[in-house]
Amino acid sequence: MLDCAVIGAGQAGLSASYHLSARGIEHVVLERGSVGETWRTARWDSFFLNTPNWCTQLPGLRPSEAAHPDAFASLAEVLAMLERYADDIGAPVRTGHVTALRSSGGRFELQLTDERLEARSVVVATGAFQQPLVNPASSGLPASVVQMHTSAYRNPDQLPEGGVLIVGSGQSGCEIGLELLETGRDVHLAVGRCGWFPRRYRGRELMRWLVDVGLADETQEVLTSRAARVGGNVSVSGSNGGRDCNPLVLEQAGARLYGRLGGVVAGDVHFAPNLDEGLEFGRTFERNLARRCDEWARTAGLDLPPAAPEAERPPSDHDPTRLVLGREGVASVLWAGGYRPAFSWIELPIFDDMGFPRASRGVTDVPGLVFVGLPWLHTRKSPLLLGVGADADHVAGAIAAYLET
């Protein structure tokens, strides 16, 4: 029987492996494919990290001499980093797709595709967002319209010629929208409630601000509701050396904006009359964070250049509540509504009504079972390459204490 099984070989599982090894705990890291499998299978080809390289602070990570700290890593660079990291720390990674996890008689049973393992403890490091969300209105789209979730999107060549409707204005929706605009596609964007901020505000990069003003270390207490755990990150992009990425940027580049998707009838798409409300949500987030940054800068005695003025919206004469796909030449719909947890394979009564495990900084009430890499596990930075290492250290400590009992 293993002392510990870690499920998932992304940044969370590998960080947990590092801290388990440091404590002398025998373990195995199970991954359904290769190291960083989710990065390989759920990112588009032109993906860049939206955090600069200095934010990649995995425990025991050997710095890359070729990586500039303020640059943004491409998808290929992220995968190479994770593979190198796994080798450097000697992570005992093996291929194994866990289809069920049960607890019986003080041990855990892990059912894999073709075998069964037993372990005294388990670290679940699969992330929270395994289930792509698709709007129920998708069933009303004509069969001639190609539709896919952004997790399946790789590049514009996947899509037929013609315009594209993107439903969702978080990071993936806006980044893919920019790519499509830059290849000459007509883009229509259904706007939700997502916060945004300049990539560089008053001469300083966003993540520097988030760390310095304390947002990165904020805990769950700042959330206005439990549902806010699945809200998107601040919308920016790491592409082109790092740039702004939000609905107003897309509109300036030629996209047409609409309110929240309401329904589809025979190719006639209807949207709520709330476009201005969605845009104001993003603007309000930006203004509030700007004030916090300004206050911190004054207290720190920094002499910074003034902020750029808010951009004015270009004139528009389209109806933001209706889009007739055929008339506008829209041949594709991309669903960018994000993800939800999918832990049905864990056969234990530990999940709340949103599918998240009930846990204190990843430690559940089931002795020996912990989670790492989830959004807001402890702080805002918990799922990021910047913060996952500290949470991994915490849960590894909990595993060590449990195994000593």
Protein backbone atom coordinates (compact mmCIF):
# COMPACT_ATOMS: atom_id res chain seq x y z
CA MET A 1 0.00 0.00 0.00
CA LEU A 2 1.26 3.47 -0.92
CA ASP A 3 1.67 6.10 1.74
CA CYS A 4 0.17 8.68 -0.63
CA ALA A 5 -1.27 8.95 -4.14
CA VAL A 6 -1.26 12.32 -5.89
CA ILE A 7 -3.84 12.61 -8.67
CA GLY A 8 -2.73 15.06 -11.35
CA ALA A 9 0.71 16.04 -12.67
CA GLY A 10 0.22 19.72 -13.36
CA GLN A 11 1.71 22.52 -11.30
CA ALA A 12 -0.37 21.58 -8.25
CA GLY A 13 0.40 17.87 -8.25
CA LEU A 14 4.10 18.40 -8.93
CA SER A 15 4.34 21.00 -6.14
CA ALA A 16 2.69 18.53 -3.78
CA SER A 17 5.17 15.85 -4.89
CA TYR A 18 8.08 18.16 -4.09
CA HIS A 19 6.84 18.78 -0.55
CA LEU A 20 5.94 15.13 0.04
CA SER A 21 9.43 14.09 -1.04
CA ALA A 22 10.96 16.72 1.25
CA ARG A 23 9.11 15.02 4.11
CA GLY A 24 10.23 11.55 3.06
CA ILE A 25 6.73 10.38 2.17
CA GLU A 26 6.52 7.56 -0.38
CA HIS A 27 4.08 8.50 -3.10
CA VAL A 28 3.13 8.23 -6.76
CA VAL A 29 1.83 10.97 -9.07
CA LEU A 30 -0.91 9.70 -11.37
CA GLU A 31 -1.65 11.52 -14.63
CA ARG A 32 -4.09 10.41 -17.33
CA GLY A 33 -1.63 11.49 -20.03
CA SER A 34 1.69 13.32 -19.96
CA VAL A 35 2.96 15.85 -17.42
CA GLY A 36 0.81 18.96 -17.72
CA GLU A 37 -1.88 17.10 -19.66
CA THR A 38 -4.55 19.76 -19.20
CA TRP A 39 -2.18 22.39 -20.57
CA ARG A 40 -1.72 20.16 -23.64
CA THR A 41 -5.37 19.40 -24.29
CA ALA A 42 -7.34 22.49 -23.20
CA ARG A 43 -5.34 25.46 -24.52
CA TRP A 44 -5.27 27.09 -27.93
CA ASP A 45 -2.10 27.02 -30.03
CA SER A 46 -1.22 30.71 -29.58
CA PHE A 47 -1.78 30.64 -25.81
CA PHE A 48 0.55 32.64 -23.56
CA LEU A 49 0.54 32.76 -19.78
CA ASN A 50 -1.13 35.94 -18.61
CA THR A 51 1.30 36.15 -15.66
CA PRO A 52 4.95 37.11 -16.26
CA ASN A 53 7.76 34.62 -15.70
CA TRP A 54 8.67 36.01 -12.29
CA CYS A 55 5.28 34.77 -11.07
CA THR A 56 6.27 31.16 -11.79
CA GLN A 57 7.43 30.28 -8.30
CA LEU A 58 7.02 26.53 -7.96
CA PRO A 59 8.94 25.03 -5.00
CA GLY A 60 12.35 23.77 -6.06
CA LEU A 61 11.99 25.09 -9.61
CA ARG A 62 15.35 25.68 -11.27
CA PRO A 63 15.30 29.12 -12.91
CA SER A 64 15.68 29.19 -16.68
CA GLU A 65 18.54 31.43 -17.74
CA ALA A 66 16.80 32.06 -21.06
CA ALA A 67 13.54 33.27 -19.55
CA HIS A 68 13.32 37.01 -18.92
CA PRO A 69 11.44 37.59 -15.63
CA ASP A 70 9.03 40.11 -17.17
CA ALA A 71 8.31 38.11 -20.33
CA PHE A 72 5.25 35.91 -20.83
CA ALA A 73 5.72 32.21 -21.55
CA SER A 74 4.18 30.55 -24.59
CA LEU A 75 2.30 27.27 -24.27
CA ALA A 76 5.36 25.35 -25.51
CA GLU A 77 7.53 27.08 -22.90
CA VAL A 78 5.05 26.23 -20.12
CA LEU A 79 5.03 22.56 -21.10
CA ALA A 80 8.84 22.47 -21.30
CA MET A 81 9.05 24.10 -17.87
CA LEU A 82 6.68 21.55 -16.28
CA GLU A 83 8.54 18.60 -17.85
CA ARG A 84 11.90 19.97 -16.67
CA TYR A 85 10.45 20.62 -13.22
CA ALA A 86 9.12 17.06 -12.90
CA ASP A 87 12.54 15.69 -13.86
CA ASP A 88 14.46 18.02 -11.55
CA ILE A 89 12.44 17.17 -8.45
CA GLY A 90 12.31 13.47 -9.32
CA ALA A 91 8.53 13.36 -9.25
CA PRO A 92 7.40 9.70 -9.45
CA VAL A 93 4.95 10.32 -12.30
CA ARG A 94 3.20 7.42 -13.98
CA THR A 95 0.34 7.18 -16.42
CA GLY A 96 -2.92 6.33 -14.73
CA HIS A 97 -6.45 7.60 -15.25
CA VAL A 98 -8.31 7.49 -11.94
CA THR A 99 -11.96 6.74 -12.61
CA ALA A 100 -13.12 6.32 -8.99
CA LEU A 101 -11.89 7.16 -5.50
CA ARG A 102 -13.37 5.49 -2.42
CA SER A 103 -12.51 5.28 1.26
CA SER A 104 -12.85 2.06 3.24
CA GLY A 105 -11.36 0.77 6.46
CA GLY A 106 -8.90 3.64 6.92
CA ARG A 107 -7.47 3.39 3.40
CA PHE A 108 -8.29 4.79 -0.01
CA GLU A 109 -9.11 2.70 -3.05
CA LEU A 110 -8.26 4.21 -6.42
CA GLN A 111 -9.85 2.57 -9.43
CA LEU A 112 -7.81 3.14 -12.56
CA THR A 113 -8.72 2.21 -16.11
CA ASP A 114 -7.05 -1.19 -15.87
CA GLU A 115 -5.97 -1.65 -12.25
CA ARG A 116 -6.72 -0.77 -8.63
CA LEU A 117 -4.39 0.91 -6.14
CA GLU A 118 -4.57 1.39 -2.40
CA ALA A 119 -3.13 4.34 -0.50
CA ARG A 120 -3.17 5.60 3.06
CA SER A 121 -3.66 9.18 1.86
CA VAL A 122 -4.60 11.06 -1.32
CA VAL A 123 -3.84 14.50 -2.77
CA VAL A 124 -6.38 15.53 -5.41
CA ALA A 125 -4.61 17.96 -7.76
CA THR A 126 -6.81 17.80 -10.85
CA GLY A 127 -7.99 21.41 -10.67
CA ALA A 128 -11.56 22.57 -10.25
CA PHE A 129 -12.49 23.31 -13.82
CA GLN A 130 -12.82 19.97 -15.60
CA GLN A 131 -16.39 20.42 -16.91
CA PRO A 132 -16.72 22.96 -19.77
CA LEU A 133 -19.93 24.99 -19.55
CA VAL A 134 -22.11 25.30 -22.64
CA ASN A 135 -25.21 27.50 -22.61
CA PRO A 136 -28.49 25.53 -22.91
CA ALA A 137 -29.32 27.77 -25.87
CA SER A 138 -26.77 25.76 -27.87
CA SER A 139 -29.49 23.27 -28.75
CA GLY A 140 -31.32 25.98 -30.69
CA LEU A 141 -28.49 26.65 -33.13
CA PRO A 142 -28.94 25.47 -36.73
CA ALA A 143 -27.04 22.29 -37.62
CA SER A 144 -25.08 24.27 -40.21
CA VAL A 145 -23.42 26.37 -37.50
CA VAL A 146 -20.20 24.93 -36.06
CA GLN A 147 -20.09 25.27 -32.30
CA MET A 148 -17.45 24.34 -29.73
CA HIS A 149 -16.26 25.25 -26.25
CA THR A 150 -13.08 27.30 -26.11
CA SER A 151 -11.35 24.31 -24.45
CA ALA A 152 -11.59 22.54 -27.83
CA TYR A 153 -10.48 25.55 -29.88
CA ARG A 154 -6.91 25.44 -31.21
CA ASN A 155 -6.66 27.95 -34.07
CA PRO A 156 -8.80 29.82 -36.64
CA ASP A 157 -8.32 27.07 -39.26
CA GLN A 158 -10.63 24.84 -37.21
CA LEU A 159 -13.54 27.11 -38.01
CA PRO A 160 -15.33 27.46 -41.34
CA GLU A 161 -15.05 30.70 -43.27
CA GLY A 162 -17.30 33.43 -41.92
CA GLY A 163 -18.01 35.36 -38.78
CA VAL A 164 -17.80 34.01 -35.24
CA LEU A 165 -20.07 34.60 -32.24
CA ILE A 166 -18.20 34.27 -28.94
CA VAL A 167 -20.39 33.83 -25.87
CA GLY A 168 -18.44 34.97 -22.81
CA SER A 169 -16.05 37.87 -22.29
CA GLY A 170 -13.48 36.51 -19.85
CA GLN A 171 -9.86 35.82 -20.72
CA SER A 172 -10.38 32.93 -23.16
CA GLY A 173 -13.26 34.61 -24.99
CA CYS A 174 -11.44 37.91 -25.39
CA GLU A 175 -8.04 36.40 -26.25
CA ILE A 176 -9.48 34.11 -28.92
CA GLY A 177 -11.62 37.00 -30.15
CA LEU A 178 -8.52 39.13 -30.64
CA GLU A 179 -6.81 36.33 -32.54
CA LEU A 180 -9.82 35.93 -34.84
CA LEU A 181 -10.05 39.68 -35.45
CA GLU A 182 -6.37 39.78 -36.35
CA THR A 183 -6.93 37.07 -38.96
CA GLY A 184 -9.69 39.11 -40.57
CA ARG A 185 -12.74 37.41 -39.07
CA ASP A 186 -15.90 39.27 -38.10
CA VAL A 187 -16.32 38.78 -34.36
CA HIS A 188 -19.51 39.19 -32.32
CA LEU A 189 -19.04 39.09 -28.53
CA ALA A 190 -21.74 38.42 -25.92
CA VAL A 191 -20.53 40.29 -22.84
CA GLY A 192 -20.87 38.97 -19.28
CA ARG A 193 -19.68 40.32 -15.94
CA CYS A 194 -15.88 40.13 -15.96
CA GLY A 195 -13.37 42.44 -14.35
CA TRP A 196 -10.50 43.89 -16.35
CA PHE A 197 -7.49 46.12 -15.82
CA PRO A 198 -4.66 47.52 -17.96
CA ARG A 199 -1.76 45.16 -18.52
CA ARG A 200 0.43 48.08 -17.42
CA TYR A 201 -1.00 50.80 -15.23
CA ARG A 202 1.01 53.95 -14.59
CA GLY A 203 4.12 52.22 -15.86
CA ARG A 204 3.86 49.12 -13.68
CA GLU A 205 2.73 45.62 -14.71
CA LEU A 206 -0.58 44.28 -13.36
CA MET A 207 0.84 41.38 -11.32
CA ARG A 208 3.30 43.72 -9.59
CA TRP A 209 0.31 45.79 -8.54
CA LEU A 210 -1.72 42.77 -7.38
CA VAL A 211 1.13 41.53 -5.19
CA ASP A 212 2.13 44.96 -3.84
CA VAL A 213 -1.38 46.12 -2.90
CA GLY A 214 -2.22 42.77 -1.32
CA LEU A 215 -4.86 41.45 -3.70
CA ALA A 216 -2.90 38.27 -4.47
CA ASP A 217 -2.95 37.33 -0.77
CA GLU A 218 -6.61 38.12 -0.14
CA THR A 219 -8.55 35.18 1.32
CA GLN A 220 -12.09 33.93 0.73
CA GLU A 221 -13.47 36.47 3.19
CA VAL A 222 -13.37 39.16 0.48
CA LEU A 223 -15.74 37.21 -1.79
CA THR A 224 -19.25 38.59 -1.98
CA SER A 225 -20.74 35.10 -2.44
CA ARG A 226 -19.68 31.49 -2.71
CA ALA A 227 -20.51 31.65 -6.41
CA ALA A 228 -17.74 34.21 -6.83
CA ARG A 229 -15.24 31.35 -6.54
CA VAL A 230 -15.87 30.51 -10.19
CA GLY A 231 -15.50 34.09 -11.39
CA GLY A 232 -12.80 34.69 -13.95
CA ASN A 233 -9.42 36.22 -13.25
CA VAL A 234 -8.67 39.84 -14.14
CA SER A 235 -8.88 39.87 -17.93
CA VAL A 236 -5.53 40.66 -19.59
CA SER A 237 -3.32 38.87 -22.12
CA GLY A 238 0.27 37.66 -22.21
CA SER A 239 0.34 37.63 -26.01
CA ASN A 240 2.37 40.17 -28.01
CA GLY A 241 4.57 40.81 -24.98
CA GLY A 242 1.55 41.44 -22.75
CA ARG A 243 -1.41 43.63 -23.67
CA ASP A 244 -4.86 44.75 -22.61
CA CYS A 245 -7.62 42.26 -23.37
CA ASN A 246 -11.26 43.08 -22.65
CA PRO A 247 -14.51 43.75 -24.55
CA LEU A 248 -13.65 47.41 -25.16
CA VAL A 249 -10.30 46.43 -26.70
CA LEU A 250 -12.12 44.01 -29.02
CA GLU A 251 -14.67 46.67 -29.91
CA GLN A 252 -11.89 49.10 -30.84
CA ALA A 253 -10.49 46.34 -33.08
CA GLY A 254 -13.82 45.93 -34.86
CA ALA A 255 -15.88 43.45 -32.83
CA ARG A 256 -19.58 43.99 -32.26
CA LEU A 257 -20.72 43.73 -28.65
CA TYR A 258 -24.00 42.35 -27.30
CA GLY A 259 -25.62 41.72 -23.93
CA ARG A 260 -25.87 38.36 -22.19
CA LEU A 261 -27.15 35.55 -24.41
CA GLY A 262 -30.86 34.95 -24.00
CA GLY A 263 -31.89 32.34 -26.56
CA VAL A 264 -31.70 31.12 -30.13
CA VAL A 265 -34.63 30.50 -32.48
CA ALA A 266 -33.85 29.23 -35.99
CA GLY A 267 -30.59 31.12 -36.20
CA ASP A 268 -32.01 34.31 -34.67
CA VAL A 269 -29.98 34.97 -31.52
CA HIS A 270 -31.42 37.19 -28.79
CA PHE A 271 -29.48 38.92 -26.03
CA ALA A 272 -30.52 40.66 -22.83
CA PRO A 273 -30.60 44.48 -23.00
CA ASN A 274 -27.76 44.66 -20.47
CA LEU A 275 -24.64 45.35 -22.53
CA ASP A 276 -24.05 48.68 -20.77
CA GLU A 277 -24.41 46.95 -17.41
CA GLY A 278 -21.77 44.33 -18.32
CA LEU A 279 -19.35 46.98 -19.54
CA GLU A 280 -19.92 49.10 -16.46
CA PHE A 281 -19.08 46.09 -14.27
CA GLY A 282 -15.68 45.86 -15.94
CA ARG A 283 -15.11 49.60 -15.76
CA THR A 284 -16.06 49.69 -12.07
CA PHE A 285 -13.64 46.87 -11.29
CA GLU A 286 -10.90 48.80 -13.11
CA ARG A 287 -11.66 52.08 -11.33
CA ASN A 288 -11.75 50.45 -7.88
CA LEU A 289 -8.45 48.64 -8.42
CA ALA A 290 -6.89 51.81 -9.85
CA ARG A 291 -7.85 53.72 -6.69
CA ARG A 292 -6.30 51.03 -4.55
CA CYS A 293 -3.11 51.11 -6.62
CA ASP A 294 -2.97 54.90 -6.45
CA GLU A 295 -3.35 54.87 -2.67
CA TRP A 296 -0.58 52.29 -2.31
CA ALA A 297 1.72 54.29 -4.61
CA ARG A 298 1.15 57.47 -2.58
CA THR A 299 1.89 55.65 0.67
CA ALA A 300 5.02 54.09 -0.86
CA GLY A 301 6.16 57.51 -2.11
CA LEU A 302 6.38 56.40 -5.74
CA ASP A 303 6.60 59.02 -8.46
CA LEU A 304 4.68 57.42 -11.33
CA PRO A 305 3.38 58.75 -14.65
CA PRO A 306 -0.32 59.62 -14.78
CA ALA A 307 -2.88 57.01 -15.75
CA ALA A 308 -4.08 56.89 -19.33
CA PRO A 309 -7.62 58.28 -19.81
CA GLU A 310 -10.48 55.85 -20.27
CA ALA A 311 -10.93 55.03 -23.94
CA GLU A 312 -14.14 56.20 -25.59
CA ARG A 313 -16.28 53.63 -27.33
CA PRO A 314 -16.37 53.84 -31.13
CA PRO A 315 -19.71 54.65 -32.77
CA SER A 316 -21.93 51.64 -33.40
CA ASP A 317 -25.27 51.23 -35.13
CA HIS A 318 -25.99 47.50 -34.64
CA ASP A 319 -28.71 46.14 -32.34
CA PRO A 320 -26.95 44.76 -29.20
CA THR A 321 -29.99 42.58 -28.40
CA ARG A 322 -30.27 40.61 -31.67
CA LEU A 323 -28.02 38.82 -34.16
CA VAL A 324 -29.35 36.97 -37.20
CA LEU A 325 -26.56 34.50 -37.90
CA GLY A 326 -27.25 33.86 -41.57
CA ARG A 327 -27.75 37.50 -42.46
CA GLU A 328 -24.47 38.48 -40.77
CA GLY A 329 -22.53 35.55 -42.19
CA VAL A 330 -21.84 33.96 -38.78
CA ALA A 331 -20.84 30.33 -39.30
CA SER A 332 -19.38 29.48 -35.86
CA VAL A 333 -20.21 29.89 -32.18
CA LEU A 334 -17.56 29.59 -29.48
CA TRP A 335 -18.75 28.99 -25.93
CA ALA A 336 -16.48 30.84 -23.51
CA GLY A 337 -18.57 30.49 -20.35
CA GLY A 338 -15.85 28.83 -18.33
CA TYR A 339 -15.91 25.59 -16.36
CA ARG A 340 -17.30 23.97 -13.24
CA PRO A 341 -15.91 21.29 -10.92
CA ALA A 342 -16.48 17.66 -11.93
CA PHE A 343 -15.64 15.45 -8.98
CA SER A 344 -18.39 12.84 -9.40
CA TRP A 345 -15.66 10.16 -9.57
CA ILE A 346 -14.89 10.82 -5.90
CA GLU A 347 -17.44 8.67 -4.08
CA LEU A 348 -17.43 10.55 -0.79
CA PRO A 349 -20.01 13.00 0.64
CA ILE A 350 -17.65 15.99 0.91
CA PHE A 351 -18.91 18.38 -1.76
CA ASP A 352 -21.09 21.48 -1.51
CA ASP A 353 -23.92 22.44 -3.83
CA MET A 354 -21.47 23.99 -6.33
CA GLY A 355 -19.35 20.86 -6.51
CA PHE A 356 -16.41 22.17 -4.47
CA PRO A 357 -14.97 20.06 -1.64
CA ARG A 358 -15.70 21.25 1.87
CA ALA A 359 -12.20 21.81 3.16
CA SER A 360 -10.03 24.14 5.22
CA ARG A 361 -7.15 25.24 3.00
CA GLY A 362 -7.51 21.98 1.13
CA VAL A 363 -7.75 19.67 4.14
CA THR A 364 -11.09 17.80 4.21
CA ASP A 365 -12.88 16.16 7.11
CA VAL A 366 -11.99 12.76 5.64
CA PRO A 367 -8.67 11.87 7.34
CA GLY A 368 -5.88 11.67 4.77
CA LEU A 369 -7.75 13.34 1.89
CA VAL A 370 -6.63 16.79 0.72
CA PHE A 371 -7.02 19.03 -2.34
CA VAL A 372 -4.61 21.51 -3.90
CA GLY A 373 -4.73 23.85 -6.90
CA LEU A 374 -8.35 24.96 -6.52
CA PRO A 375 -9.42 28.61 -6.93
CA TRP A 376 -9.62 30.39 -3.59
CA LEU A 377 -8.37 27.29 -1.78
CA HIS A 378 -6.75 29.77 0.57
CA THR A 379 -6.01 33.00 -1.31
CA ARG A 380 -6.64 34.61 -4.68
CA LYS A 381 -3.28 33.26 -5.93
CA SER A 382 -3.95 29.66 -4.79
CA PRO A 383 -4.44 28.19 -8.30
CA LEU A 384 -1.67 30.25 -9.89
CA LEU A 385 1.95 29.35 -10.54
CA LEU A 386 2.64 32.15 -8.06
CA GLY A 387 0.75 30.67 -5.12
CA VAL A 388 0.15 26.94 -5.51
CA GLY A 389 3.45 26.01 -3.86
CA ALA A 390 2.50 27.42 -0.45
CA ASP A 391 -0.79 25.52 -0.43
CA ALA A 392 1.02 22.34 -1.53
CA ASP A 393 3.36 22.72 1.44
CA HIS A 394 0.36 23.09 3.76
CA VAL A 395 -1.46 19.97 2.55
CA ALA A 396 1.76 17.94 2.50
CA GLY A 397 2.22 18.90 6.13
CA ALA A 398 -1.32 17.73 6.86
CA ILE A 399 -0.60 14.41 5.13
CA ALA A 400 2.59 13.96 7.14
CA ALA A 401 0.76 14.62 10.41
CA TYR A 402 -1.97 12.15 9.46
CA LEU A 403 0.48 9.40 8.51
CA GLU A 404 2.21 9.76 11.88
CA THR A 405 -1.00 8.99 13.77
